[in-house]
Amino acid sequence: MGKEKTVSKSITMAPRMVAASFRRSLSFPNHPNHSTKPKKTFHVRSTSLPCRSHPLISQLKDDLNGLKSWSFNPQNRTCPWLCDGLNQLKIVHESLDDLLQLPQTRESLNGHSDLVEKLLDDFLHFVDVYGIFQTLILTFKEEHLAAQVAVRRKDESKIASYAKALRKMAKEMDKLTFNVQCIGKYIVPQQTIPIPDGDAELAEVMKDIIEVTQLVSTALFNGLAVSMAFPKPSCSWIGLGKKTKKLKEDEGIFEFVEMGLENLLRKNKGDEVVKIVSKKMYELEDCICGIENCGEKVFRSLINARVSLLNVFTQ
């Protein structure tokens, strides 16, 4: 009986010994090279944004989609429409500024210095363009106020001076449009080593921010350029053809087109015409002030976003 008990114990203990040996072989492998691979993968992912989007990135994507939808609605080219686009753009830049304050974002961008350098360059160009725009819109507002007095007094020489000043500003707005369209020629870098999902998502968001800034800025500058470039006294809309006139009006800002800037160039304007033009010019004054204020907010948001980018690059 003693022998039988000894045998049975050896039989029952055998599986336990095998199982224990099997577990040890999983926990402590004989080949250390296999253990380094998962550690390397975990280290790479820890230096980037997590796969699941940060709430700020999700909000930025929603705002970007809203601005893209805004740009696809050109039939409502009014001053409120422009101001709405500028306000939305300011919010996008402010969200970007908040995103750049996150340690994860800074850590991720530190691994892509080429992207940060290009963004710094793009934002510098936007800041320069909006700085020039602020000077132009301020000049426009002053010229417009003086022109209202000239219209009431029927001062033809000052009205002609106003028309000349607007044509000059229209050319400057055209230059701003061209300069803006040259910004952002950037493609998300294609690397031989796959970049983490978080980094790719961040780079794509940055690219979209540049694109929507271009969209809104082009609508603003081009709209003002077309609106200010009304024909000289020697020219006539009839000579340009109805199709060309309609095209110009569609690209211009509704309040400018409605005022009929060409009416300013008419000589011997009757009292009724002067009254109508004066009323439209007064209404347009509010639009100019609104565009000036919204443009200044975008200008400030661009400066703040660039400063945050610069901090990422230097720290």
C-alpha atoms as a PDB file:
ATOM      1  CA  MET A   1       0.000   0.000   0.000  1.00  0.00           C
ATOM      2  CA  GLY A   2       2.899   2.334   0.713  1.00  0.00           C
ATOM      3  CA  LYS A   3       4.317   1.746  -2.743  1.00  0.00           C
ATOM      4  CA  GLU A   4       0.954   2.378  -4.382  1.00  0.00           C
ATOM      5  CA  LYS A   5       0.635   5.719  -2.561  1.00  0.00           C
ATOM      6  CA  THR A   6       4.119   6.702  -3.648  1.00  0.00           C
ATOM      7  CA  VAL A   7       3.349   5.871  -7.277  1.00  0.00           C
ATOM      8  CA  SER A   8       0.058   7.740  -7.230  1.00  0.00           C
ATOM      9  CA  LYS A   9       1.764  10.823  -5.784  1.00  0.00           C
ATOM     10  CA  SER A  10       4.372  10.767  -8.503  1.00  0.00           C
ATOM     11  CA  ILE A  11       1.672  10.430 -11.139  1.00  0.00           C
ATOM     12  CA  THR A  12      -0.390  13.343  -9.788  1.00  0.00           C
ATOM     13  CA  MET A  13       2.628  15.603  -9.313  1.00  0.00           C
ATOM     14  CA  ALA A  14       3.956  15.119 -12.827  1.00  0.00           C
ATOM     15  CA  PRO A  15       1.428  17.315 -14.660  1.00  0.00           C
ATOM     16  CA  ARG A  16       1.959  20.111 -12.151  1.00  0.00           C
ATOM     17  CA  MET A  17       5.678  20.053 -12.753  1.00  0.00           C
ATOM     18  CA  VAL A  18       5.164  20.164 -16.521  1.00  0.00           C
ATOM     19  CA  ALA A  19       2.692  23.043 -16.247  1.00  0.00           C
ATOM     20  CA  ALA A  20       5.003  24.992 -13.982  1.00  0.00           C
ATOM     21  CA  SER A  21       7.872  24.465 -16.394  1.00  0.00           C
ATOM     22  CA  PHE A  22       5.686  25.620 -19.327  1.00  0.00           C
ATOM     23  CA  ARG A  23       4.713  28.819 -17.518  1.00  0.00           C
ATOM     24  CA  ARG A  24       8.321  29.625 -16.737  1.00  0.00           C
ATOM     25  CA  SER A  25       9.264  29.167 -20.384  1.00  0.00           C
ATOM     26  CA  LEU A  26       6.722  31.916 -21.344  1.00  0.00           C
ATOM     27  CA  SER A  27       7.791  34.332 -18.629  1.00  0.00           C
ATOM     28  CA  PHE A  28      11.532  33.919 -19.087  1.00  0.00           C
ATOM     29  CA  PRO A  29      12.334  33.065 -22.720  1.00  0.00           C
ATOM     30  CA  ASN A  30      15.733  31.633 -23.558  1.00  0.00           C
ATOM     31  CA  HIS A  31      16.140  34.056 -26.512  1.00  0.00           C
ATOM     32  CA  PRO A  32      16.392  37.660 -25.254  1.00  0.00           C
ATOM     33  CA  ASN A  33      16.209  39.126 -28.794  1.00  0.00           C
ATOM     34  CA  HIS A  34      12.455  38.482 -28.960  1.00  0.00           C
ATOM     35  CA  SER A  35      11.833  40.562 -25.831  1.00  0.00           C
ATOM     36  CA  THR A  36      13.359  43.709 -27.326  1.00  0.00           C
ATOM     37  CA  LYS A  37      10.838  44.047 -30.181  1.00  0.00           C
ATOM     38  CA  PRO A  38       7.733  44.823 -28.139  1.00  0.00           C
ATOM     39  CA  LYS A  39       9.742  47.246 -25.994  1.00  0.00           C
ATOM     40  CA  LYS A  40      10.907  49.152 -29.096  1.00  0.00           C
ATOM     41  CA  THR A  41       7.370  49.385 -30.489  1.00  0.00           C
ATOM     42  CA  PHE A  42       6.007  50.638 -27.148  1.00  0.00           C
ATOM     43  CA  HIS A  43       8.736  53.292 -26.942  1.00  0.00           C
ATOM     44  CA  VAL A  44       7.921  54.696 -30.424  1.00  0.00           C
ATOM     45  CA  ARG A  45       4.200  54.957 -29.718  1.00  0.00           C
ATOM     46  CA  SER A  46       4.736  56.642 -26.365  1.00  0.00           C
ATOM     47  CA  THR A  47       6.400  59.673 -28.011  1.00  0.00           C
ATOM     48  CA  SER A  48       3.380  60.499 -30.175  1.00  0.00           C
ATOM     49  CA  LEU A  49      -0.233  61.444 -29.753  1.00  0.00           C
ATOM     50  CA  PRO A  50      -2.495  58.528 -28.808  1.00  0.00           C
ATOM     51  CA  CYS A  51      -4.397  56.688 -31.531  1.00  0.00           C
ATOM     52  CA  ARG A  52      -7.700  57.968 -30.184  1.00  0.00           C
ATOM     53  CA  SER A  53      -8.077  61.625 -31.186  1.00  0.00           C
ATOM     54  CA  HIS A  54      -7.692  64.231 -28.485  1.00  0.00           C
ATOM     55  CA  PRO A  55     -10.924  66.226 -27.965  1.00  0.00           C
ATOM     56  CA  LEU A  56      -9.156  69.349 -29.275  1.00  0.00           C
ATOM     57  CA  ILE A  57      -8.279  67.584 -32.531  1.00  0.00           C
ATOM     58  CA  SER A  58     -11.841  66.326 -32.909  1.00  0.00           C
ATOM     59  CA  GLN A  59     -13.143  69.863 -32.333  1.00  0.00           C
ATOM     60  CA  LEU A  60     -10.625  71.247 -34.822  1.00  0.00           C
ATOM     61  CA  LYS A  61     -11.790  68.773 -37.451  1.00  0.00           C
ATOM     62  CA  ASP A  62     -15.403  69.837 -36.942  1.00  0.00           C
ATOM     63  CA  ASP A  63     -14.450  73.517 -37.239  1.00  0.00           C
ATOM     64  CA  LEU A  64     -12.402  72.827 -40.363  1.00  0.00           C
ATOM     65  CA  ASN A  65     -15.299  70.998 -41.999  1.00  0.00           C
ATOM     66  CA  GLY A  66     -17.568  73.923 -41.116  1.00  0.00           C
ATOM     67  CA  LEU A  67     -15.232  76.377 -42.836  1.00  0.00           C
ATOM     68  CA  LYS A  68     -14.986  74.179 -45.920  1.00  0.00           C
ATOM     69  CA  SER A  69     -18.783  74.125 -46.109  1.00  0.00           C
ATOM     70  CA  TRP A  70     -18.766  77.911 -45.683  1.00  0.00           C
ATOM     71  CA  SER A  71     -16.482  78.293 -48.704  1.00  0.00           C
ATOM     72  CA  PHE A  72     -18.794  76.143 -50.843  1.00  0.00           C
ATOM     73  CA  ASN A  73     -21.610  78.694 -50.436  1.00  0.00           C
ATOM     74  CA  PRO A  74     -20.359  81.600 -52.608  1.00  0.00           C
ATOM     75  CA  GLN A  75     -23.798  82.798 -53.702  1.00  0.00           C
ATOM     76  CA  ASN A  76     -24.119  84.670 -50.396  1.00  0.00           C
ATOM     77  CA  ARG A  77     -21.076  86.918 -50.785  1.00  0.00           C
ATOM     78  CA  THR A  78     -22.155  89.543 -48.272  1.00  0.00           C
ATOM     79  CA  CYS A  79     -20.259  91.393 -45.544  1.00  0.00           C
ATOM     80  CA  PRO A  80     -21.913  89.265 -42.800  1.00  0.00           C
ATOM     81  CA  TRP A  81     -20.892  86.131 -44.755  1.00  0.00           C
ATOM     82  CA  LEU A  82     -17.286  87.337 -44.885  1.00  0.00           C
ATOM     83  CA  CYS A  83     -17.290  88.286 -41.201  1.00  0.00           C
ATOM     84  CA  ASP A  84     -18.710  84.873 -40.307  1.00  0.00           C
ATOM     85  CA  GLY A  85     -15.893  83.160 -42.199  1.00  0.00           C
ATOM     86  CA  LEU A  86     -13.275  85.352 -40.520  1.00  0.00           C
ATOM     87  CA  ASN A  87     -14.722  84.635 -37.072  1.00  0.00           C
ATOM     88  CA  GLN A  88     -14.723  80.899 -37.748  1.00  0.00           C
ATOM     89  CA  LEU A  89     -11.124  81.146 -38.931  1.00  0.00           C
ATOM     90  CA  LYS A  90     -10.147  82.958 -35.726  1.00  0.00           C
ATOM     91  CA  ILE A  91     -11.691  80.129 -33.688  1.00  0.00           C
ATOM     92  CA  VAL A  92      -9.684  77.559 -35.677  1.00  0.00           C
ATOM     93  CA  HIS A  93      -6.445  79.427 -34.971  1.00  0.00           C
ATOM     94  CA  GLU A  94      -7.315  79.724 -31.277  1.00  0.00           C
ATOM     95  CA  SER A  95      -8.012  75.975 -31.099  1.00  0.00           C
ATOM     96  CA  LEU A  96      -4.678  75.355 -32.786  1.00  0.00           C
ATOM     97  CA  ASP A  97      -2.999  77.554 -30.180  1.00  0.00           C
ATOM     98  CA  ASP A  98      -4.633  75.488 -27.408  1.00  0.00           C
ATOM     99  CA  LEU A  99      -3.554  72.254 -29.096  1.00  0.00           C
ATOM    100  CA  LEU A 100       0.049  73.448 -29.290  1.00  0.00           C
ATOM    101  CA  GLN A 101       0.089  73.926 -25.508  1.00  0.00           C
ATOM    102  CA  LEU A 102      -0.390  70.178 -24.933  1.00  0.00           C
ATOM    103  CA  PRO A 103       2.791  68.284 -23.976  1.00  0.00           C
ATOM    104  CA  GLN A 104       1.770  65.442 -26.313  1.00  0.00           C
ATOM    105  CA  THR A 105       1.574  67.813 -29.268  1.00  0.00           C
ATOM    106  CA  ARG A 106       4.921  69.411 -28.559  1.00  0.00           C
ATOM    107  CA  GLU A 107       6.567  66.036 -28.092  1.00  0.00           C
ATOM    108  CA  SER A 108       5.069  64.791 -31.344  1.00  0.00           C
ATOM    109  CA  LEU A 109       6.093  67.881 -33.366  1.00  0.00           C
ATOM    110  CA  ASN A 110       9.628  67.725 -32.017  1.00  0.00           C
ATOM    111  CA  GLY A 111      10.062  64.640 -34.167  1.00  0.00           C
ATOM    112  CA  HIS A 112       9.009  66.515 -37.321  1.00  0.00           C
ATOM    113  CA  SER A 113      11.116  69.655 -37.465  1.00  0.00           C
ATOM    114  CA  ASP A 114      10.580  69.969 -41.232  1.00  0.00           C
ATOM    115  CA  LEU A 115       6.815  70.259 -40.690  1.00  0.00           C
ATOM    116  CA  VAL A 116       7.238  72.847 -37.928  1.00  0.00           C
ATOM    117  CA  GLU A 117       9.628  74.925 -40.057  1.00  0.00           C
ATOM    118  CA  LYS A 118       7.200  74.939 -42.974  1.00  0.00           C
ATOM    119  CA  LEU A 119       4.284  75.883 -40.722  1.00  0.00           C
ATOM    120  CA  LEU A 120       6.329  78.718 -39.213  1.00  0.00           C
ATOM    121  CA  ASP A 121       7.090  79.994 -42.692  1.00  0.00           C
ATOM    122  CA  ASP A 122       3.448  79.743 -43.809  1.00  0.00           C
ATOM    123  CA  PHE A 123       2.119  81.529 -40.721  1.00  0.00           C
ATOM    124  CA  LEU A 124       4.729  84.272 -41.132  1.00  0.00           C
ATOM    125  CA  HIS A 125       3.448  84.901 -44.673  1.00  0.00           C
ATOM    126  CA  PHE A 126      -0.156  84.987 -43.411  1.00  0.00           C
ATOM    127  CA  VAL A 127       0.809  87.472 -40.685  1.00  0.00           C
ATOM    128  CA  ASP A 128       2.537  89.699 -43.250  1.00  0.00           C
ATOM    129  CA  VAL A 129      -0.455  89.577 -45.593  1.00  0.00           C
ATOM    130  CA  TYR A 130      -2.972  90.422 -42.863  1.00  0.00           C
ATOM    131  CA  GLY A 131      -0.727  93.212 -41.591  1.00  0.00           C
ATOM    132  CA  ILE A 132      -0.827  94.810 -45.055  1.00  0.00           C
ATOM    133  CA  PHE A 133      -4.568  94.206 -45.232  1.00  0.00           C
ATOM    134  CA  GLN A 134      -5.146  96.038 -41.950  1.00  0.00           C
ATOM    135  CA  THR A 135      -3.349  99.082 -43.357  1.00  0.00           C
ATOM    136  CA  LEU A 136      -5.356  98.935 -46.606  1.00  0.00           C
ATOM    137  CA  ILE A 137      -8.747  98.540 -44.930  1.00  0.00           C
ATOM    138  CA  LEU A 138      -7.985 101.459 -42.589  1.00  0.00           C
ATOM    139  CA  THR A 139      -7.094 103.617 -45.603  1.00  0.00           C
ATOM    140  CA  PHE A 140     -10.253 102.472 -47.347  1.00  0.00           C
ATOM    141  CA  LYS A 141     -12.382 103.450 -44.347  1.00  0.00           C
ATOM    142  CA  GLU A 142     -10.857 106.927 -44.245  1.00  0.00           C
ATOM    143  CA  GLU A 143     -11.309 107.428 -47.988  1.00  0.00           C
ATOM    144  CA  HIS A 144     -14.894 106.219 -47.749  1.00  0.00           C
ATOM    145  CA  LEU A 145     -15.762 108.677 -44.973  1.00  0.00           C
ATOM    146  CA  ALA A 146     -14.304 111.552 -47.004  1.00  0.00           C
ATOM    147  CA  ALA A 147     -16.205 110.384 -50.097  1.00  0.00           C
ATOM    148  CA  GLN A 148     -19.532 110.524 -48.250  1.00  0.00           C
ATOM    149  CA  VAL A 149     -18.977 114.206 -47.598  1.00  0.00           C
ATOM    150  CA  ALA A 150     -17.931 114.733 -51.214  1.00  0.00           C
ATOM    151  CA  VAL A 151     -21.090 113.057 -52.508  1.00  0.00           C
ATOM    152  CA  ARG A 152     -23.348 115.222 -50.343  1.00  0.00           C
ATOM    153  CA  ARG A 153     -21.511 118.343 -51.536  1.00  0.00           C
ATOM    154  CA  LYS A 154     -21.355 117.086 -55.127  1.00  0.00           C
ATOM    155  CA  ASP A 155     -17.597 117.649 -55.127  1.00  0.00           C
ATOM    156  CA  GLU A 156     -16.638 115.952 -58.397  1.00  0.00           C
ATOM    157  CA  SER A 157     -12.869 116.327 -57.919  1.00  0.00           C
ATOM    158  CA  LYS A 158     -12.861 114.571 -54.530  1.00  0.00           C
ATOM    159  CA  ILE A 159     -15.170 111.864 -55.853  1.00  0.00           C
ATOM    160  CA  ALA A 160     -12.738 111.279 -58.726  1.00  0.00           C
ATOM    161  CA  SER A 161      -9.900 111.121 -56.182  1.00  0.00           C
ATOM    162  CA  TYR A 162     -11.861 108.512 -54.201  1.00  0.00           C
ATOM    163  CA  ALA A 163     -12.403 106.435 -57.338  1.00  0.00           C
ATOM    164  CA  LYS A 164      -8.684 106.586 -58.136  1.00  0.00           C
ATOM    165  CA  ALA A 165      -7.779 105.538 -54.591  1.00  0.00           C
ATOM    166  CA  LEU A 166     -10.150 102.547 -54.772  1.00  0.00           C
ATOM    167  CA  ARG A 167      -8.644 101.340 -58.047  1.00  0.00           C
ATOM    168  CA  LYS A 168      -5.205 101.516 -56.473  1.00  0.00           C
ATOM    169  CA  MET A 169      -6.411  99.537 -53.463  1.00  0.00           C
ATOM    170  CA  ALA A 170      -8.034  96.981 -55.781  1.00  0.00           C
ATOM    171  CA  LYS A 171      -4.607  96.281 -57.296  1.00  0.00           C
ATOM    172  CA  GLU A 172      -3.118  95.873 -53.821  1.00  0.00           C
ATOM    173  CA  MET A 173      -5.912  93.440 -52.906  1.00  0.00           C
ATOM    174  CA  ASP A 174      -5.117  91.473 -56.060  1.00  0.00           C
ATOM    175  CA  LYS A 175      -1.520  91.201 -54.902  1.00  0.00           C
ATOM    176  CA  LEU A 176      -2.659  89.922 -51.508  1.00  0.00           C
ATOM    177  CA  THR A 177      -4.842  87.327 -53.234  1.00  0.00           C
ATOM    178  CA  PHE A 178      -1.890  86.129 -55.301  1.00  0.00           C
ATOM    179  CA  ASN A 179       0.427  86.010 -52.266  1.00  0.00           C
ATOM    180  CA  VAL A 180      -2.083  83.991 -50.232  1.00  0.00           C
ATOM    181  CA  GLN A 181      -2.535  81.460 -53.020  1.00  0.00           C
ATOM    182  CA  CYS A 182       1.225  80.850 -53.014  1.00  0.00           C
ATOM    183  CA  ILE A 183       1.191  79.849 -49.335  1.00  0.00           C
ATOM    184  CA  GLY A 184       0.782  76.307 -48.136  1.00  0.00           C
ATOM    185  CA  LYS A 185       2.355  74.366 -50.963  1.00  0.00           C
ATOM    186  CA  TYR A 186       3.066  71.586 -48.515  1.00  0.00           C
ATOM    187  CA  ILE A 187       2.453  67.855 -48.724  1.00  0.00           C
ATOM    188  CA  VAL A 188       2.361  65.688 -45.619  1.00  0.00           C
ATOM    189  CA  PRO A 189       5.808  64.014 -45.653  1.00  0.00           C
ATOM    190  CA  GLN A 190       5.966  60.481 -46.948  1.00  0.00           C
ATOM    191  CA  GLN A 191       8.523  58.608 -44.887  1.00  0.00           C
ATOM    192  CA  THR A 192      10.093  55.223 -45.531  1.00  0.00           C
ATOM    193  CA  ILE A 193       9.447  54.349 -41.880  1.00  0.00           C
ATOM    194  CA  PRO A 194       5.716  54.443 -41.081  1.00  0.00           C
ATOM    195  CA  ILE A 195       4.879  57.290 -38.688  1.00  0.00           C
ATOM    196  CA  PRO A 196       2.470  56.712 -35.786  1.00  0.00           C
ATOM    197  CA  ASP A 197      -1.223  57.349 -36.374  1.00  0.00           C
ATOM    198  CA  GLY A 198      -1.273  60.253 -33.933  1.00  0.00           C
ATOM    199  CA  ASP A 199       1.529  62.076 -35.774  1.00  0.00           C
ATOM    200  CA  ALA A 200      -0.093  61.537 -39.176  1.00  0.00           C
ATOM    201  CA  GLU A 201      -3.413  62.848 -37.902  1.00  0.00           C
ATOM    202  CA  LEU A 202      -1.745  65.936 -36.444  1.00  0.00           C
ATOM    203  CA  ALA A 203       0.123  66.654 -39.690  1.00  0.00           C
ATOM    204  CA  GLU A 204      -3.111  66.340 -41.668  1.00  0.00           C
ATOM    205  CA  VAL A 205      -4.905  68.774 -39.346  1.00  0.00           C
ATOM    206  CA  MET A 206      -2.080  71.296 -39.761  1.00  0.00           C
ATOM    207  CA  LYS A 207      -2.321  70.992 -43.525  1.00  0.00           C
ATOM    208  CA  ASP A 208      -6.097  71.574 -43.413  1.00  0.00           C
ATOM    209  CA  ILE A 209      -5.641  74.681 -41.238  1.00  0.00           C
ATOM    210  CA  ILE A 210      -3.373  76.198 -43.884  1.00  0.00           C
ATOM    211  CA  GLU A 211      -5.902  75.333 -46.598  1.00  0.00           C
ATOM    212  CA  VAL A 212      -8.917  76.908 -44.873  1.00  0.00           C
ATOM    213  CA  THR A 213      -6.872  80.012 -44.023  1.00  0.00           C
ATOM    214  CA  GLN A 214      -6.188  80.280 -47.738  1.00  0.00           C
ATOM    215  CA  LEU A 215      -9.852  79.774 -48.620  1.00  0.00           C
ATOM    216  CA  VAL A 216     -11.175  82.474 -46.298  1.00  0.00           C
ATOM    217  CA  SER A 217      -8.382  84.920 -47.119  1.00  0.00           C
ATOM    218  CA  THR A 218      -8.853  84.489 -50.865  1.00  0.00           C
ATOM    219  CA  ALA A 219     -12.600  85.073 -50.570  1.00  0.00           C
ATOM    220  CA  LEU A 220     -11.913  88.242 -48.565  1.00  0.00           C
ATOM    221  CA  PHE A 221      -9.138  89.782 -50.665  1.00  0.00           C
ATOM    222  CA  ASN A 222     -10.517  88.803 -54.050  1.00  0.00           C
ATOM    223  CA  GLY A 223     -14.024  89.943 -53.086  1.00  0.00           C
ATOM    224  CA  LEU A 224     -12.734  93.371 -52.102  1.00  0.00           C
ATOM    225  CA  ALA A 225     -10.488  93.616 -55.170  1.00  0.00           C
ATOM    226  CA  VAL A 226     -13.380  92.948 -57.543  1.00  0.00           C
ATOM    227  CA  SER A 227     -15.696  95.272 -55.630  1.00  0.00           C
ATOM    228  CA  MET A 228     -13.230  98.177 -55.659  1.00  0.00           C
ATOM    229  CA  ALA A 229     -12.172  97.839 -59.281  1.00  0.00           C
ATOM    230  CA  PHE A 230     -15.221  99.484 -60.828  1.00  0.00           C
ATOM    231  CA  PRO A 231     -14.722 100.903 -64.369  1.00  0.00           C
ATOM    232  CA  LYS A 232     -13.186 104.222 -65.243  1.00  0.00           C
ATOM    233  CA  PRO A 233     -15.397 107.029 -66.607  1.00  0.00           C
ATOM    234  CA  SER A 234     -14.227 106.242 -70.125  1.00  0.00           C
ATOM    235  CA  CYS A 235     -15.330 102.636 -69.768  1.00  0.00           C
ATOM    236  CA  SER A 236     -18.782 101.167 -69.626  1.00  0.00           C
ATOM    237  CA  TRP A 237     -20.194  97.975 -68.214  1.00  0.00           C
ATOM    238  CA  ILE A 238     -22.116  97.646 -71.489  1.00  0.00           C
ATOM    239  CA  GLY A 239     -18.844  97.460 -73.400  1.00  0.00           C
ATOM    240  CA  LEU A 240     -17.685  94.637 -71.177  1.00  0.00           C
ATOM    241  CA  GLY A 241     -20.736  92.583 -71.987  1.00  0.00           C
ATOM    242  CA  LYS A 242     -23.510  91.313 -69.741  1.00  0.00           C
ATOM    243  CA  LYS A 243     -21.774  88.010 -69.085  1.00  0.00           C
ATOM    244  CA  THR A 244     -18.570  89.693 -67.880  1.00  0.00           C
ATOM    245  CA  LYS A 245     -20.520  92.121 -65.723  1.00  0.00           C
ATOM    246  CA  LYS A 246     -22.471  89.287 -64.099  1.00  0.00           C
ATOM    247  CA  LEU A 247     -19.237  87.379 -63.462  1.00  0.00           C
ATOM    248  CA  LYS A 248     -17.652  90.382 -61.784  1.00  0.00           C
ATOM    249  CA  GLU A 249     -20.712  90.978 -59.636  1.00  0.00           C
ATOM    250  CA  ASP A 250     -20.790  87.330 -58.553  1.00  0.00           C
ATOM    251  CA  GLU A 251     -17.180  87.570 -57.365  1.00  0.00           C
ATOM    252  CA  GLY A 252     -17.729  90.901 -55.612  1.00  0.00           C
ATOM    253  CA  ILE A 253     -19.327  91.685 -52.264  1.00  0.00           C
ATOM    254  CA  PHE A 254     -23.082  92.214 -52.381  1.00  0.00           C
ATOM    255  CA  GLU A 255     -23.142  95.494 -50.425  1.00  0.00           C
ATOM    256  CA  PHE A 256     -20.618  97.057 -52.842  1.00  0.00           C
ATOM    257  CA  VAL A 257     -22.493  95.866 -55.911  1.00  0.00           C
ATOM    258  CA  GLU A 258     -25.817  97.014 -54.469  1.00  0.00           C
ATOM    259  CA  MET A 259     -24.462 100.493 -53.805  1.00  0.00           C
ATOM    260  CA  GLY A 260     -23.487 100.846 -57.480  1.00  0.00           C
ATOM    261  CA  LEU A 261     -20.024 102.347 -57.236  1.00  0.00           C
ATOM    262  CA  GLU A 262     -20.197 103.375 -60.894  1.00  0.00           C
ATOM    263  CA  ASN A 263     -22.942 105.831 -59.910  1.00  0.00           C
ATOM    264  CA  LEU A 264     -20.287 107.886 -58.133  1.00  0.00           C
ATOM    265  CA  LEU A 265     -18.693 108.653 -61.472  1.00  0.00           C
ATOM    266  CA  ARG A 266     -21.813 110.149 -62.985  1.00  0.00           C
ATOM    267  CA  LYS A 267     -21.646 113.879 -63.469  1.00  0.00           C
ATOM    268  CA  ASN A 268     -24.539 116.191 -62.721  1.00  0.00           C
ATOM    269  CA  LYS A 269     -26.156 113.708 -60.339  1.00  0.00           C
ATOM    270  CA  GLY A 270     -29.656 114.673 -59.299  1.00  0.00           C
ATOM    271  CA  ASP A 271     -30.719 115.074 -55.691  1.00  0.00           C
ATOM    272  CA  GLU A 272     -32.502 111.718 -55.731  1.00  0.00           C
ATOM    273  CA  VAL A 273     -29.390 109.891 -56.966  1.00  0.00           C
ATOM    274  CA  VAL A 274     -27.252 111.650 -54.356  1.00  0.00           C
ATOM    275  CA  LYS A 275     -29.690 110.633 -51.632  1.00  0.00           C
ATOM    276  CA  ILE A 276     -29.679 106.975 -52.701  1.00  0.00           C
ATOM    277  CA  VAL A 277     -25.897 106.793 -53.051  1.00  0.00           C
ATOM    278  CA  SER A 278     -25.360 108.517 -49.699  1.00  0.00           C
ATOM    279  CA  LYS A 279     -27.630 106.037 -47.955  1.00  0.00           C
ATOM    280  CA  LYS A 280     -25.840 103.056 -49.510  1.00  0.00           C
ATOM    281  CA  MET A 281     -22.442 104.490 -48.624  1.00  0.00           C
ATOM    282  CA  TYR A 282     -23.542 104.975 -45.016  1.00  0.00           C
ATOM    283  CA  GLU A 283     -24.680 101.332 -44.856  1.00  0.00           C
ATOM    284  CA  LEU A 284     -21.423 100.214 -46.412  1.00  0.00           C
ATOM    285  CA  GLU A 285     -19.489 102.038 -43.691  1.00  0.00           C
ATOM    286  CA  ASP A 286     -20.773  99.545 -41.097  1.00  0.00           C
ATOM    287  CA  CYS A 287     -19.708  96.656 -43.338  1.00  0.00           C
ATOM    288  CA  ILE A 288     -16.205  98.080 -43.694  1.00  0.00           C
ATOM    289  CA  CYS A 289     -15.879  98.460 -39.921  1.00  0.00           C
ATOM    290  CA  GLY A 290     -17.087  94.876 -39.416  1.00  0.00           C
ATOM    291  CA  ILE A 291     -14.545  93.493 -41.892  1.00  0.00           C
ATOM    292  CA  GLU A 292     -11.797  95.583 -40.306  1.00  0.00           C
ATOM    293  CA  ASN A 293     -12.566  94.265 -36.795  1.00  0.00           C
ATOM    294  CA  CYS A 294     -12.828  90.631 -37.892  1.00  0.00           C
ATOM    295  CA  GLY A 295      -9.660  90.915 -39.968  1.00  0.00           C
ATOM    296  CA  GLU A 296      -7.785  92.283 -36.971  1.00  0.00           C
ATOM    297  CA  LYS A 297      -8.940  89.336 -34.835  1.00  0.00           C
ATOM    298  CA  VAL A 298      -7.632  86.884 -37.443  1.00  0.00           C
ATOM    299  CA  PHE A 299      -4.379  88.857 -37.569  1.00  0.00           C
ATOM    300  CA  ARG A 300      -3.970  88.505 -33.783  1.00  0.00           C
ATOM    301  CA  SER A 301      -4.873  84.812 -33.816  1.00  0.00           C
ATOM    302  CA  LEU A 302      -2.260  84.177 -36.528  1.00  0.00           C
ATOM    303  CA  ILE A 303       0.416  85.908 -34.433  1.00  0.00           C
ATOM    304  CA  ASN A 304      -0.486  83.889 -31.312  1.00  0.00           C
ATOM    305  CA  ALA A 305      -0.505  80.584 -33.201  1.00  0.00           C
ATOM    306  CA  ARG A 306       2.882  81.332 -34.740  1.00  0.00           C
ATOM    307  CA  VAL A 307       4.364  82.234 -31.341  1.00  0.00           C
ATOM    308  CA  SER A 308       3.164  78.876 -29.983  1.00  0.00           C
ATOM    309  CA  LEU A 309       4.709  77.101 -32.986  1.00  0.00           C
ATOM    310  CA  LEU A 310       7.954  78.940 -32.404  1.00  0.00           C
ATOM    311  CA  ASN A 311       7.948  77.813 -28.766  1.00  0.00           C
ATOM    312  CA  VAL A 312       7.559  74.215 -29.922  1.00  0.00           C
ATOM    313  CA  PHE A 313      10.518  74.637 -32.240  1.00  0.00           C
ATOM    314  CA  THR A 314      12.835  76.345 -29.729  1.00  0.00           C
ATOM    315  CA  GLN A 315      12.014  74.439 -26.536  1.00  0.00           C
END
